[in-house]
Amino acid sequence: KNNTGVDLRQLFIGSEGTLGVITEA
């Protein structure tokens, strides 16, 4: 649970590497 505003994590999931490079999960 983390209800502190926009969940930026979800922007990168499914973004096909166009917004950032995922290095760890």
PDBML (XML) file of the C-alpha atoms, coordinates in Angstrom:
<?xml version="1.0" encoding="UTF-8" ?>
<PDBx:datablock datablockName="MODEL"
   xmlns:PDBx="http://pdbml.pdb.org/schema/pdbx-v50.xsd"
   xmlns:xsi="http://www.w3.org/2001/XMLSchema-instance"
   xsi:schemaLocation="http://pdbml.pdb.org/schema/pdbx-v50.xsd pdbx-v50.xsd">
   <PDBx:atom_siteCategory>
      <PDBx:atom_site id="1">
         <PDBx:B_iso_or_equiv>0.00</PDBx:B_iso_or_equiv>
         <PDBx:Cartn_x>0.000</PDBx:Cartn_x>
         <PDBx:Cartn_y>0.000</PDBx:Cartn_y>
         <PDBx:Cartn_z>0.000</PDBx:Cartn_z>
         <PDBx:auth_asym_id>A</PDBx:auth_asym_id>
         <PDBx:auth_atom_id>CA</PDBx:auth_atom_id>
         <PDBx:auth_comp_id>LYS</PDBx:auth_comp_id>
         <PDBx:auth_seq_id>1</PDBx:auth_seq_id>
         <PDBx:group_PDB>ATOM</PDBx:group_PDB>
         <PDBx:label_alt_id xsi:nil="true" />
         <PDBx:label_asym_id>A</PDBx:label_asym_id>
         <PDBx:label_atom_id>CA</PDBx:label_atom_id>
         <PDBx:label_comp_id>LYS</PDBx:label_comp_id>
         <PDBx:label_entity_id>1</PDBx:label_entity_id>
         <PDBx:label_seq_id>1</PDBx:label_seq_id>
         <PDBx:occupancy>1.00</PDBx:occupancy>
         <PDBx:pdbx_PDB_model_num>1</PDBx:pdbx_PDB_model_num>
         <PDBx:type_symbol>C</PDBx:type_symbol>
      </PDBx:atom_site>
      <PDBx:atom_site id="2">
         <PDBx:B_iso_or_equiv>0.00</PDBx:B_iso_or_equiv>
         <PDBx:Cartn_x>1.297</PDBx:Cartn_x>
         <PDBx:Cartn_y>3.439</PDBx:Cartn_y>
         <PDBx:Cartn_z>-0.919</PDBx:Cartn_z>
         <PDBx:auth_asym_id>A</PDBx:auth_asym_id>
         <PDBx:auth_atom_id>CA</PDBx:auth_atom_id>
         <PDBx:auth_comp_id>ASN</PDBx:auth_comp_id>
         <PDBx:auth_seq_id>2</PDBx:auth_seq_id>
         <PDBx:group_PDB>ATOM</PDBx:group_PDB>
         <PDBx:label_alt_id xsi:nil="true" />
         <PDBx:label_asym_id>A</PDBx:label_asym_id>
         <PDBx:label_atom_id>CA</PDBx:label_atom_id>
         <PDBx:label_comp_id>ASN</PDBx:label_comp_id>
         <PDBx:label_entity_id>1</PDBx:label_entity_id>
         <PDBx:label_seq_id>2</PDBx:label_seq_id>
         <PDBx:occupancy>1.00</PDBx:occupancy>
         <PDBx:pdbx_PDB_model_num>1</PDBx:pdbx_PDB_model_num>
         <PDBx:type_symbol>C</PDBx:type_symbol>
      </PDBx:atom_site>
      <PDBx:atom_site id="3">
         <PDBx:B_iso_or_equiv>0.00</PDBx:B_iso_or_equiv>
         <PDBx:Cartn_x>-1.368</PDBx:Cartn_x>
         <PDBx:Cartn_y>6.083</PDBx:Cartn_y>
         <PDBx:Cartn_z>-1.382</PDBx:Cartn_z>
         <PDBx:auth_asym_id>A</PDBx:auth_asym_id>
         <PDBx:auth_atom_id>CA</PDBx:auth_atom_id>
         <PDBx:auth_comp_id>ASN</PDBx:auth_comp_id>
         <PDBx:auth_seq_id>3</PDBx:auth_seq_id>
         <PDBx:group_PDB>ATOM</PDBx:group_PDB>
         <PDBx:label_alt_id xsi:nil="true" />
         <PDBx:label_asym_id>A</PDBx:label_asym_id>
         <PDBx:label_atom_id>CA</PDBx:label_atom_id>
         <PDBx:label_comp_id>ASN</PDBx:label_comp_id>
         <PDBx:label_entity_id>1</PDBx:label_entity_id>
         <PDBx:label_seq_id>3</PDBx:label_seq_id>
         <PDBx:occupancy>1.00</PDBx:occupancy>
         <PDBx:pdbx_PDB_model_num>1</PDBx:pdbx_PDB_model_num>
         <PDBx:type_symbol>C</PDBx:type_symbol>
      </PDBx:atom_site>
      <PDBx:atom_site id="4">
         <PDBx:B_iso_or_equiv>0.00</PDBx:B_iso_or_equiv>
         <PDBx:Cartn_x>0.881</PDBx:Cartn_x>
         <PDBx:Cartn_y>9.111</PDBx:Cartn_y>
         <PDBx:Cartn_z>-1.949</PDBx:Cartn_z>
         <PDBx:auth_asym_id>A</PDBx:auth_asym_id>
         <PDBx:auth_atom_id>CA</PDBx:auth_atom_id>
         <PDBx:auth_comp_id>THR</PDBx:auth_comp_id>
         <PDBx:auth_seq_id>4</PDBx:auth_seq_id>
         <PDBx:group_PDB>ATOM</PDBx:group_PDB>
         <PDBx:label_alt_id xsi:nil="true" />
         <PDBx:label_asym_id>A</PDBx:label_asym_id>
         <PDBx:label_atom_id>CA</PDBx:label_atom_id>
         <PDBx:label_comp_id>THR</PDBx:label_comp_id>
         <PDBx:label_entity_id>1</PDBx:label_entity_id>
         <PDBx:label_seq_id>4</PDBx:label_seq_id>
         <PDBx:occupancy>1.00</PDBx:occupancy>
         <PDBx:pdbx_PDB_model_num>1</PDBx:pdbx_PDB_model_num>
         <PDBx:type_symbol>C</PDBx:type_symbol>
      </PDBx:atom_site>
      <PDBx:atom_site id="5">
         <PDBx:B_iso_or_equiv>0.00</PDBx:B_iso_or_equiv>
         <PDBx:Cartn_x>-0.196</PDBx:Cartn_x>
         <PDBx:Cartn_y>10.446</PDBx:Cartn_y>
         <PDBx:Cartn_z>-5.301</PDBx:Cartn_z>
         <PDBx:auth_asym_id>A</PDBx:auth_asym_id>
         <PDBx:auth_atom_id>CA</PDBx:auth_atom_id>
         <PDBx:auth_comp_id>GLY</PDBx:auth_comp_id>
         <PDBx:auth_seq_id>5</PDBx:auth_seq_id>
         <PDBx:group_PDB>ATOM</PDBx:group_PDB>
         <PDBx:label_alt_id xsi:nil="true" />
         <PDBx:label_asym_id>A</PDBx:label_asym_id>
         <PDBx:label_atom_id>CA</PDBx:label_atom_id>
         <PDBx:label_comp_id>GLY</PDBx:label_comp_id>
         <PDBx:label_entity_id>1</PDBx:label_entity_id>
         <PDBx:label_seq_id>5</PDBx:label_seq_id>
         <PDBx:occupancy>1.00</PDBx:occupancy>
         <PDBx:pdbx_PDB_model_num>1</PDBx:pdbx_PDB_model_num>
         <PDBx:type_symbol>C</PDBx:type_symbol>
      </PDBx:atom_site>
      <PDBx:atom_site id="6">
         <PDBx:B_iso_or_equiv>0.00</PDBx:B_iso_or_equiv>
         <PDBx:Cartn_x>0.434</PDBx:Cartn_x>
         <PDBx:Cartn_y>9.316</PDBx:Cartn_y>
         <PDBx:Cartn_z>-8.864</PDBx:Cartn_z>
         <PDBx:auth_asym_id>A</PDBx:auth_asym_id>
         <PDBx:auth_atom_id>CA</PDBx:auth_atom_id>
         <PDBx:auth_comp_id>VAL</PDBx:auth_comp_id>
         <PDBx:auth_seq_id>6</PDBx:auth_seq_id>
         <PDBx:group_PDB>ATOM</PDBx:group_PDB>
         <PDBx:label_alt_id xsi:nil="true" />
         <PDBx:label_asym_id>A</PDBx:label_asym_id>
         <PDBx:label_atom_id>CA</PDBx:label_atom_id>
         <PDBx:label_comp_id>VAL</PDBx:label_comp_id>
         <PDBx:label_entity_id>1</PDBx:label_entity_id>
         <PDBx:label_seq_id>6</PDBx:label_seq_id>
         <PDBx:occupancy>1.00</PDBx:occupancy>
         <PDBx:pdbx_PDB_model_num>1</PDBx:pdbx_PDB_model_num>
         <PDBx:type_symbol>C</PDBx:type_symbol>
      </PDBx:atom_site>
      <PDBx:atom_site id="7">
         <PDBx:B_iso_or_equiv>0.00</PDBx:B_iso_or_equiv>
         <PDBx:Cartn_x>1.918</PDBx:Cartn_x>
         <PDBx:Cartn_y>5.806</PDBx:Cartn_y>
         <PDBx:Cartn_z>-9.090</PDBx:Cartn_z>
         <PDBx:auth_asym_id>A</PDBx:auth_asym_id>
         <PDBx:auth_atom_id>CA</PDBx:auth_atom_id>
         <PDBx:auth_comp_id>ASP</PDBx:auth_comp_id>
         <PDBx:auth_seq_id>7</PDBx:auth_seq_id>
         <PDBx:group_PDB>ATOM</PDBx:group_PDB>
         <PDBx:label_alt_id xsi:nil="true" />
         <PDBx:label_asym_id>A</PDBx:label_asym_id>
         <PDBx:label_atom_id>CA</PDBx:label_atom_id>
         <PDBx:label_comp_id>ASP</PDBx:label_comp_id>
         <PDBx:label_entity_id>1</PDBx:label_entity_id>
         <PDBx:label_seq_id>7</PDBx:label_seq_id>
         <PDBx:occupancy>1.00</PDBx:occupancy>
         <PDBx:pdbx_PDB_model_num>1</PDBx:pdbx_PDB_model_num>
         <PDBx:type_symbol>C</PDBx:type_symbol>
      </PDBx:atom_site>
      <PDBx:atom_site id="8">
         <PDBx:B_iso_or_equiv>0.00</PDBx:B_iso_or_equiv>
         <PDBx:Cartn_x>4.818</PDBx:Cartn_x>
         <PDBx:Cartn_y>6.484</PDBx:Cartn_y>
         <PDBx:Cartn_z>-11.480</PDBx:Cartn_z>
         <PDBx:auth_asym_id>A</PDBx:auth_asym_id>
         <PDBx:auth_atom_id>CA</PDBx:auth_atom_id>
         <PDBx:auth_comp_id>LEU</PDBx:auth_comp_id>
         <PDBx:auth_seq_id>8</PDBx:auth_seq_id>
         <PDBx:group_PDB>ATOM</PDBx:group_PDB>
         <PDBx:label_alt_id xsi:nil="true" />
         <PDBx:label_asym_id>A</PDBx:label_asym_id>
         <PDBx:label_atom_id>CA</PDBx:label_atom_id>
         <PDBx:label_comp_id>LEU</PDBx:label_comp_id>
         <PDBx:label_entity_id>1</PDBx:label_entity_id>
         <PDBx:label_seq_id>8</PDBx:label_seq_id>
         <PDBx:occupancy>1.00</PDBx:occupancy>
         <PDBx:pdbx_PDB_model_num>1</PDBx:pdbx_PDB_model_num>
         <PDBx:type_symbol>C</PDBx:type_symbol>
      </PDBx:atom_site>
      <PDBx:atom_site id="9">
         <PDBx:B_iso_or_equiv>0.00</PDBx:B_iso_or_equiv>
         <PDBx:Cartn_x>5.688</PDBx:Cartn_x>
         <PDBx:Cartn_y>2.773</PDBx:Cartn_y>
         <PDBx:Cartn_z>-11.458</PDBx:Cartn_z>
         <PDBx:auth_asym_id>A</PDBx:auth_asym_id>
         <PDBx:auth_atom_id>CA</PDBx:auth_atom_id>
         <PDBx:auth_comp_id>ARG</PDBx:auth_comp_id>
         <PDBx:auth_seq_id>9</PDBx:auth_seq_id>
         <PDBx:group_PDB>ATOM</PDBx:group_PDB>
         <PDBx:label_alt_id xsi:nil="true" />
         <PDBx:label_asym_id>A</PDBx:label_asym_id>
         <PDBx:label_atom_id>CA</PDBx:label_atom_id>
         <PDBx:label_comp_id>ARG</PDBx:label_comp_id>
         <PDBx:label_entity_id>1</PDBx:label_entity_id>
         <PDBx:label_seq_id>9</PDBx:label_seq_id>
         <PDBx:occupancy>1.00</PDBx:occupancy>
         <PDBx:pdbx_PDB_model_num>1</PDBx:pdbx_PDB_model_num>
         <PDBx:type_symbol>C</PDBx:type_symbol>
      </PDBx:atom_site>
      <PDBx:atom_site id="10">
         <PDBx:B_iso_or_equiv>0.00</PDBx:B_iso_or_equiv>
         <PDBx:Cartn_x>2.635</PDBx:Cartn_x>
         <PDBx:Cartn_y>2.053</PDBx:Cartn_y>
         <PDBx:Cartn_z>-13.585</PDBx:Cartn_z>
         <PDBx:auth_asym_id>A</PDBx:auth_asym_id>
         <PDBx:auth_atom_id>CA</PDBx:auth_atom_id>
         <PDBx:auth_comp_id>GLN</PDBx:auth_comp_id>
         <PDBx:auth_seq_id>10</PDBx:auth_seq_id>
         <PDBx:group_PDB>ATOM</PDBx:group_PDB>
         <PDBx:label_alt_id xsi:nil="true" />
         <PDBx:label_asym_id>A</PDBx:label_asym_id>
         <PDBx:label_atom_id>CA</PDBx:label_atom_id>
         <PDBx:label_comp_id>GLN</PDBx:label_comp_id>
         <PDBx:label_entity_id>1</PDBx:label_entity_id>
         <PDBx:label_seq_id>10</PDBx:label_seq_id>
         <PDBx:occupancy>1.00</PDBx:occupancy>
         <PDBx:pdbx_PDB_model_num>1</PDBx:pdbx_PDB_model_num>
         <PDBx:type_symbol>C</PDBx:type_symbol>
      </PDBx:atom_site>
      <PDBx:atom_site id="11">
         <PDBx:B_iso_or_equiv>0.00</PDBx:B_iso_or_equiv>
         <PDBx:Cartn_x>3.733</PDBx:Cartn_x>
         <PDBx:Cartn_y>4.529</PDBx:Cartn_y>
         <PDBx:Cartn_z>-16.273</PDBx:Cartn_z>
         <PDBx:auth_asym_id>A</PDBx:auth_asym_id>
         <PDBx:auth_atom_id>CA</PDBx:auth_atom_id>
         <PDBx:auth_comp_id>LEU</PDBx:auth_comp_id>
         <PDBx:auth_seq_id>11</PDBx:auth_seq_id>
         <PDBx:group_PDB>ATOM</PDBx:group_PDB>
         <PDBx:label_alt_id xsi:nil="true" />
         <PDBx:label_asym_id>A</PDBx:label_asym_id>
         <PDBx:label_atom_id>CA</PDBx:label_atom_id>
         <PDBx:label_comp_id>LEU</PDBx:label_comp_id>
         <PDBx:label_entity_id>1</PDBx:label_entity_id>
         <PDBx:label_seq_id>11</PDBx:label_seq_id>
         <PDBx:occupancy>1.00</PDBx:occupancy>
         <PDBx:pdbx_PDB_model_num>1</PDBx:pdbx_PDB_model_num>
         <PDBx:type_symbol>C</PDBx:type_symbol>
      </PDBx:atom_site>
      <PDBx:atom_site id="12">
         <PDBx:B_iso_or_equiv>0.00</PDBx:B_iso_or_equiv>
         <PDBx:Cartn_x>6.837</PDBx:Cartn_x>
         <PDBx:Cartn_y>2.462</PDBx:Cartn_y>
         <PDBx:Cartn_z>-17.002</PDBx:Cartn_z>
         <PDBx:auth_asym_id>A</PDBx:auth_asym_id>
         <PDBx:auth_atom_id>CA</PDBx:auth_atom_id>
         <PDBx:auth_comp_id>PHE</PDBx:auth_comp_id>
         <PDBx:auth_seq_id>12</PDBx:auth_seq_id>
         <PDBx:group_PDB>ATOM</PDBx:group_PDB>
         <PDBx:label_alt_id xsi:nil="true" />
         <PDBx:label_asym_id>A</PDBx:label_asym_id>
         <PDBx:label_atom_id>CA</PDBx:label_atom_id>
         <PDBx:label_comp_id>PHE</PDBx:label_comp_id>
         <PDBx:label_entity_id>1</PDBx:label_entity_id>
         <PDBx:label_seq_id>12</PDBx:label_seq_id>
         <PDBx:occupancy>1.00</PDBx:occupancy>
         <PDBx:pdbx_PDB_model_num>1</PDBx:pdbx_PDB_model_num>
         <PDBx:type_symbol>C</PDBx:type_symbol>
      </PDBx:atom_site>
      <PDBx:atom_site id="13">
         <PDBx:B_iso_or_equiv>0.00</PDBx:B_iso_or_equiv>
         <PDBx:Cartn_x>5.038</PDBx:Cartn_x>
         <PDBx:Cartn_y>-0.902</PDBx:Cartn_y>
         <PDBx:Cartn_z>-17.060</PDBx:Cartn_z>
         <PDBx:auth_asym_id>A</PDBx:auth_asym_id>
         <PDBx:auth_atom_id>CA</PDBx:auth_atom_id>
         <PDBx:auth_comp_id>ILE</PDBx:auth_comp_id>
         <PDBx:auth_seq_id>13</PDBx:auth_seq_id>
         <PDBx:group_PDB>ATOM</PDBx:group_PDB>
         <PDBx:label_alt_id xsi:nil="true" />
         <PDBx:label_asym_id>A</PDBx:label_asym_id>
         <PDBx:label_atom_id>CA</PDBx:label_atom_id>
         <PDBx:label_comp_id>ILE</PDBx:label_comp_id>
         <PDBx:label_entity_id>1</PDBx:label_entity_id>
         <PDBx:label_seq_id>13</PDBx:label_seq_id>
         <PDBx:occupancy>1.00</PDBx:occupancy>
         <PDBx:pdbx_PDB_model_num>1</PDBx:pdbx_PDB_model_num>
         <PDBx:type_symbol>C</PDBx:type_symbol>
      </PDBx:atom_site>
      <PDBx:atom_site id="14">
         <PDBx:B_iso_or_equiv>0.00</PDBx:B_iso_or_equiv>
         <PDBx:Cartn_x>4.022</PDBx:Cartn_x>
         <PDBx:Cartn_y>-1.415</PDBx:Cartn_y>
         <PDBx:Cartn_z>-20.676</PDBx:Cartn_z>
         <PDBx:auth_asym_id>A</PDBx:auth_asym_id>
         <PDBx:auth_atom_id>CA</PDBx:auth_atom_id>
         <PDBx:auth_comp_id>GLY</PDBx:auth_comp_id>
         <PDBx:auth_seq_id>14</PDBx:auth_seq_id>
         <PDBx:group_PDB>ATOM</PDBx:group_PDB>
         <PDBx:label_alt_id xsi:nil="true" />
         <PDBx:label_asym_id>A</PDBx:label_asym_id>
         <PDBx:label_atom_id>CA</PDBx:label_atom_id>
         <PDBx:label_comp_id>GLY</PDBx:label_comp_id>
         <PDBx:label_entity_id>1</PDBx:label_entity_id>
         <PDBx:label_seq_id>14</PDBx:label_seq_id>
         <PDBx:occupancy>1.00</PDBx:occupancy>
         <PDBx:pdbx_PDB_model_num>1</PDBx:pdbx_PDB_model_num>
         <PDBx:type_symbol>C</PDBx:type_symbol>
      </PDBx:atom_site>
      <PDBx:atom_site id="15">
         <PDBx:B_iso_or_equiv>0.00</PDBx:B_iso_or_equiv>
         <PDBx:Cartn_x>5.868</PDBx:Cartn_x>
         <PDBx:Cartn_y>1.672</PDBx:Cartn_y>
         <PDBx:Cartn_z>-21.971</PDBx:Cartn_z>
         <PDBx:auth_asym_id>A</PDBx:auth_asym_id>
         <PDBx:auth_atom_id>CA</PDBx:auth_atom_id>
         <PDBx:auth_comp_id>SER</PDBx:auth_comp_id>
         <PDBx:auth_seq_id>15</PDBx:auth_seq_id>
         <PDBx:group_PDB>ATOM</PDBx:group_PDB>
         <PDBx:label_alt_id xsi:nil="true" />
         <PDBx:label_asym_id>A</PDBx:label_asym_id>
         <PDBx:label_atom_id>CA</PDBx:label_atom_id>
         <PDBx:label_comp_id>SER</PDBx:label_comp_id>
         <PDBx:label_entity_id>1</PDBx:label_entity_id>
         <PDBx:label_seq_id>15</PDBx:label_seq_id>
         <PDBx:occupancy>1.00</PDBx:occupancy>
         <PDBx:pdbx_PDB_model_num>1</PDBx:pdbx_PDB_model_num>
         <PDBx:type_symbol>C</PDBx:type_symbol>
      </PDBx:atom_site>
      <PDBx:atom_site id="16">
         <PDBx:B_iso_or_equiv>0.00</PDBx:B_iso_or_equiv>
         <PDBx:Cartn_x>8.211</PDBx:Cartn_x>
         <PDBx:Cartn_y>-0.437</PDBx:Cartn_y>
         <PDBx:Cartn_z>-24.156</PDBx:Cartn_z>
         <PDBx:auth_asym_id>A</PDBx:auth_asym_id>
         <PDBx:auth_atom_id>CA</PDBx:auth_atom_id>
         <PDBx:auth_comp_id>GLU</PDBx:auth_comp_id>
         <PDBx:auth_seq_id>16</PDBx:auth_seq_id>
         <PDBx:group_PDB>ATOM</PDBx:group_PDB>
         <PDBx:label_alt_id xsi:nil="true" />
         <PDBx:label_asym_id>A</PDBx:label_asym_id>
         <PDBx:label_atom_id>CA</PDBx:label_atom_id>
         <PDBx:label_comp_id>GLU</PDBx:label_comp_id>
         <PDBx:label_entity_id>1</PDBx:label_entity_id>
         <PDBx:label_seq_id>16</PDBx:label_seq_id>
         <PDBx:occupancy>1.00</PDBx:occupancy>
         <PDBx:pdbx_PDB_model_num>1</PDBx:pdbx_PDB_model_num>
         <PDBx:type_symbol>C</PDBx:type_symbol>
      </PDBx:atom_site>
      <PDBx:atom_site id="17">
         <PDBx:B_iso_or_equiv>0.00</PDBx:B_iso_or_equiv>
         <PDBx:Cartn_x>11.371</PDBx:Cartn_x>
         <PDBx:Cartn_y>1.318</PDBx:Cartn_y>
         <PDBx:Cartn_z>-23.006</PDBx:Cartn_z>
         <PDBx:auth_asym_id>A</PDBx:auth_asym_id>
         <PDBx:auth_atom_id>CA</PDBx:auth_atom_id>
         <PDBx:auth_comp_id>GLY</PDBx:auth_comp_id>
         <PDBx:auth_seq_id>17</PDBx:auth_seq_id>
         <PDBx:group_PDB>ATOM</PDBx:group_PDB>
         <PDBx:label_alt_id xsi:nil="true" />
         <PDBx:label_asym_id>A</PDBx:label_asym_id>
         <PDBx:label_atom_id>CA</PDBx:label_atom_id>
         <PDBx:label_comp_id>GLY</PDBx:label_comp_id>
         <PDBx:label_entity_id>1</PDBx:label_entity_id>
         <PDBx:label_seq_id>17</PDBx:label_seq_id>
         <PDBx:occupancy>1.00</PDBx:occupancy>
         <PDBx:pdbx_PDB_model_num>1</PDBx:pdbx_PDB_model_num>
         <PDBx:type_symbol>C</PDBx:type_symbol>
      </PDBx:atom_site>
      <PDBx:atom_site id="18">
         <PDBx:B_iso_or_equiv>0.00</PDBx:B_iso_or_equiv>
         <PDBx:Cartn_x>10.324</PDBx:Cartn_x>
         <PDBx:Cartn_y>4.708</PDBx:Cartn_y>
         <PDBx:Cartn_z>-24.335</PDBx:Cartn_z>
         <PDBx:auth_asym_id>A</PDBx:auth_asym_id>
         <PDBx:auth_atom_id>CA</PDBx:auth_atom_id>
         <PDBx:auth_comp_id>THR</PDBx:auth_comp_id>
         <PDBx:auth_seq_id>18</PDBx:auth_seq_id>
         <PDBx:group_PDB>ATOM</PDBx:group_PDB>
         <PDBx:label_alt_id xsi:nil="true" />
         <PDBx:label_asym_id>A</PDBx:label_asym_id>
         <PDBx:label_atom_id>CA</PDBx:label_atom_id>
         <PDBx:label_comp_id>THR</PDBx:label_comp_id>
         <PDBx:label_entity_id>1</PDBx:label_entity_id>
         <PDBx:label_seq_id>18</PDBx:label_seq_id>
         <PDBx:occupancy>1.00</PDBx:occupancy>
         <PDBx:pdbx_PDB_model_num>1</PDBx:pdbx_PDB_model_num>
         <PDBx:type_symbol>C</PDBx:type_symbol>
      </PDBx:atom_site>
      <PDBx:atom_site id="19">
         <PDBx:B_iso_or_equiv>0.00</PDBx:B_iso_or_equiv>
         <PDBx:Cartn_x>10.202</PDBx:Cartn_x>
         <PDBx:Cartn_y>6.529</PDBx:Cartn_y>
         <PDBx:Cartn_z>-20.965</PDBx:Cartn_z>
         <PDBx:auth_asym_id>A</PDBx:auth_asym_id>
         <PDBx:auth_atom_id>CA</PDBx:auth_atom_id>
         <PDBx:auth_comp_id>LEU</PDBx:auth_comp_id>
         <PDBx:auth_seq_id>19</PDBx:auth_seq_id>
         <PDBx:group_PDB>ATOM</PDBx:group_PDB>
         <PDBx:label_alt_id xsi:nil="true" />
         <PDBx:label_asym_id>A</PDBx:label_asym_id>
         <PDBx:label_atom_id>CA</PDBx:label_atom_id>
         <PDBx:label_comp_id>LEU</PDBx:label_comp_id>
         <PDBx:label_entity_id>1</PDBx:label_entity_id>
         <PDBx:label_seq_id>19</PDBx:label_seq_id>
         <PDBx:occupancy>1.00</PDBx:occupancy>
         <PDBx:pdbx_PDB_model_num>1</PDBx:pdbx_PDB_model_num>
         <PDBx:type_symbol>C</PDBx:type_symbol>
      </PDBx:atom_site>
      <PDBx:atom_site id="20">
         <PDBx:B_iso_or_equiv>0.00</PDBx:B_iso_or_equiv>
         <PDBx:Cartn_x>13.038</PDBx:Cartn_x>
         <PDBx:Cartn_y>4.949</PDBx:Cartn_y>
         <PDBx:Cartn_z>-18.973</PDBx:Cartn_z>
         <PDBx:auth_asym_id>A</PDBx:auth_asym_id>
         <PDBx:auth_atom_id>CA</PDBx:auth_atom_id>
         <PDBx:auth_comp_id>GLY</PDBx:auth_comp_id>
         <PDBx:auth_seq_id>20</PDBx:auth_seq_id>
         <PDBx:group_PDB>ATOM</PDBx:group_PDB>
         <PDBx:label_alt_id xsi:nil="true" />
         <PDBx:label_asym_id>A</PDBx:label_asym_id>
         <PDBx:label_atom_id>CA</PDBx:label_atom_id>
         <PDBx:label_comp_id>GLY</PDBx:label_comp_id>
         <PDBx:label_entity_id>1</PDBx:label_entity_id>
         <PDBx:label_seq_id>20</PDBx:label_seq_id>
         <PDBx:occupancy>1.00</PDBx:occupancy>
         <PDBx:pdbx_PDB_model_num>1</PDBx:pdbx_PDB_model_num>
         <PDBx:type_symbol>C</PDBx:type_symbol>
      </PDBx:atom_site>
      <PDBx:atom_site id="21">
         <PDBx:B_iso_or_equiv>0.00</PDBx:B_iso_or_equiv>
         <PDBx:Cartn_x>15.231</PDBx:Cartn_x>
         <PDBx:Cartn_y>1.873</PDBx:Cartn_y>
         <PDBx:Cartn_z>-18.566</PDBx:Cartn_z>
         <PDBx:auth_asym_id>A</PDBx:auth_asym_id>
         <PDBx:auth_atom_id>CA</PDBx:auth_atom_id>
         <PDBx:auth_comp_id>VAL</PDBx:auth_comp_id>
         <PDBx:auth_seq_id>21</PDBx:auth_seq_id>
         <PDBx:group_PDB>ATOM</PDBx:group_PDB>
         <PDBx:label_alt_id xsi:nil="true" />
         <PDBx:label_asym_id>A</PDBx:label_asym_id>
         <PDBx:label_atom_id>CA</PDBx:label_atom_id>
         <PDBx:label_comp_id>VAL</PDBx:label_comp_id>
         <PDBx:label_entity_id>1</PDBx:label_entity_id>
         <PDBx:label_seq_id>21</PDBx:label_seq_id>
         <PDBx:occupancy>1.00</PDBx:occupancy>
         <PDBx:pdbx_PDB_model_num>1</PDBx:pdbx_PDB_model_num>
         <PDBx:type_symbol>C</PDBx:type_symbol>
      </PDBx:atom_site>
      <PDBx:atom_site id="22">
         <PDBx:B_iso_or_equiv>0.00</PDBx:B_iso_or_equiv>
         <PDBx:Cartn_x>13.954</PDBx:Cartn_x>
         <PDBx:Cartn_y>-0.653</PDBx:Cartn_y>
         <PDBx:Cartn_z>-16.023</PDBx:Cartn_z>
         <PDBx:auth_asym_id>A</PDBx:auth_asym_id>
         <PDBx:auth_atom_id>CA</PDBx:auth_atom_id>
         <PDBx:auth_comp_id>ILE</PDBx:auth_comp_id>
         <PDBx:auth_seq_id>22</PDBx:auth_seq_id>
         <PDBx:group_PDB>ATOM</PDBx:group_PDB>
         <PDBx:label_alt_id xsi:nil="true" />
         <PDBx:label_asym_id>A</PDBx:label_asym_id>
         <PDBx:label_atom_id>CA</PDBx:label_atom_id>
         <PDBx:label_comp_id>ILE</PDBx:label_comp_id>
         <PDBx:label_entity_id>1</PDBx:label_entity_id>
         <PDBx:label_seq_id>22</PDBx:label_seq_id>
         <PDBx:occupancy>1.00</PDBx:occupancy>
         <PDBx:pdbx_PDB_model_num>1</PDBx:pdbx_PDB_model_num>
         <PDBx:type_symbol>C</PDBx:type_symbol>
      </PDBx:atom_site>
      <PDBx:atom_site id="23">
         <PDBx:B_iso_or_equiv>0.00</PDBx:B_iso_or_equiv>
         <PDBx:Cartn_x>16.938</PDBx:Cartn_x>
         <PDBx:Cartn_y>-1.990</PDBx:Cartn_y>
         <PDBx:Cartn_z>-14.074</PDBx:Cartn_z>
         <PDBx:auth_asym_id>A</PDBx:auth_asym_id>
         <PDBx:auth_atom_id>CA</PDBx:auth_atom_id>
         <PDBx:auth_comp_id>THR</PDBx:auth_comp_id>
         <PDBx:auth_seq_id>23</PDBx:auth_seq_id>
         <PDBx:group_PDB>ATOM</PDBx:group_PDB>
         <PDBx:label_alt_id xsi:nil="true" />
         <PDBx:label_asym_id>A</PDBx:label_asym_id>
         <PDBx:label_atom_id>CA</PDBx:label_atom_id>
         <PDBx:label_comp_id>THR</PDBx:label_comp_id>
         <PDBx:label_entity_id>1</PDBx:label_entity_id>
         <PDBx:label_seq_id>23</PDBx:label_seq_id>
         <PDBx:occupancy>1.00</PDBx:occupancy>
         <PDBx:pdbx_PDB_model_num>1</PDBx:pdbx_PDB_model_num>
         <PDBx:type_symbol>C</PDBx:type_symbol>
      </PDBx:atom_site>
      <PDBx:atom_site id="24">
         <PDBx:B_iso_or_equiv>0.00</PDBx:B_iso_or_equiv>
         <PDBx:Cartn_x>15.361</PDBx:Cartn_x>
         <PDBx:Cartn_y>-3.865</PDBx:Cartn_y>
         <PDBx:Cartn_z>-11.152</PDBx:Cartn_z>
         <PDBx:auth_asym_id>A</PDBx:auth_asym_id>
         <PDBx:auth_atom_id>CA</PDBx:auth_atom_id>
         <PDBx:auth_comp_id>GLU</PDBx:auth_comp_id>
         <PDBx:auth_seq_id>24</PDBx:auth_seq_id>
         <PDBx:group_PDB>ATOM</PDBx:group_PDB>
         <PDBx:label_alt_id xsi:nil="true" />
         <PDBx:label_asym_id>A</PDBx:label_asym_id>
         <PDBx:label_atom_id>CA</PDBx:label_atom_id>
         <PDBx:label_comp_id>GLU</PDBx:label_comp_id>
         <PDBx:label_entity_id>1</PDBx:label_entity_id>
         <PDBx:label_seq_id>24</PDBx:label_seq_id>
         <PDBx:occupancy>1.00</PDBx:occupancy>
         <PDBx:pdbx_PDB_model_num>1</PDBx:pdbx_PDB_model_num>
         <PDBx:type_symbol>C</PDBx:type_symbol>
      </PDBx:atom_site>
      <PDBx:atom_site id="25">
         <PDBx:B_iso_or_equiv>0.00</PDBx:B_iso_or_equiv>
         <PDBx:Cartn_x>11.955</PDBx:Cartn_x>
         <PDBx:Cartn_y>-4.973</PDBx:Cartn_y>
         <PDBx:Cartn_z>-9.898</PDBx:Cartn_z>
         <PDBx:auth_asym_id>A</PDBx:auth_asym_id>
         <PDBx:auth_atom_id>CA</PDBx:auth_atom_id>
         <PDBx:auth_comp_id>ALA</PDBx:auth_comp_id>
         <PDBx:auth_seq_id>25</PDBx:auth_seq_id>
         <PDBx:group_PDB>ATOM</PDBx:group_PDB>
         <PDBx:label_alt_id xsi:nil="true" />
         <PDBx:label_asym_id>A</PDBx:label_asym_id>
         <PDBx:label_atom_id>CA</PDBx:label_atom_id>
         <PDBx:label_comp_id>ALA</PDBx:label_comp_id>
         <PDBx:label_entity_id>1</PDBx:label_entity_id>
         <PDBx:label_seq_id>25</PDBx:label_seq_id>
         <PDBx:occupancy>1.00</PDBx:occupancy>
         <PDBx:pdbx_PDB_model_num>1</PDBx:pdbx_PDB_model_num>
         <PDBx:type_symbol>C</PDBx:type_symbol>
      </PDBx:atom_site>
   </PDBx:atom_siteCategory>
</PDBx:datablock>
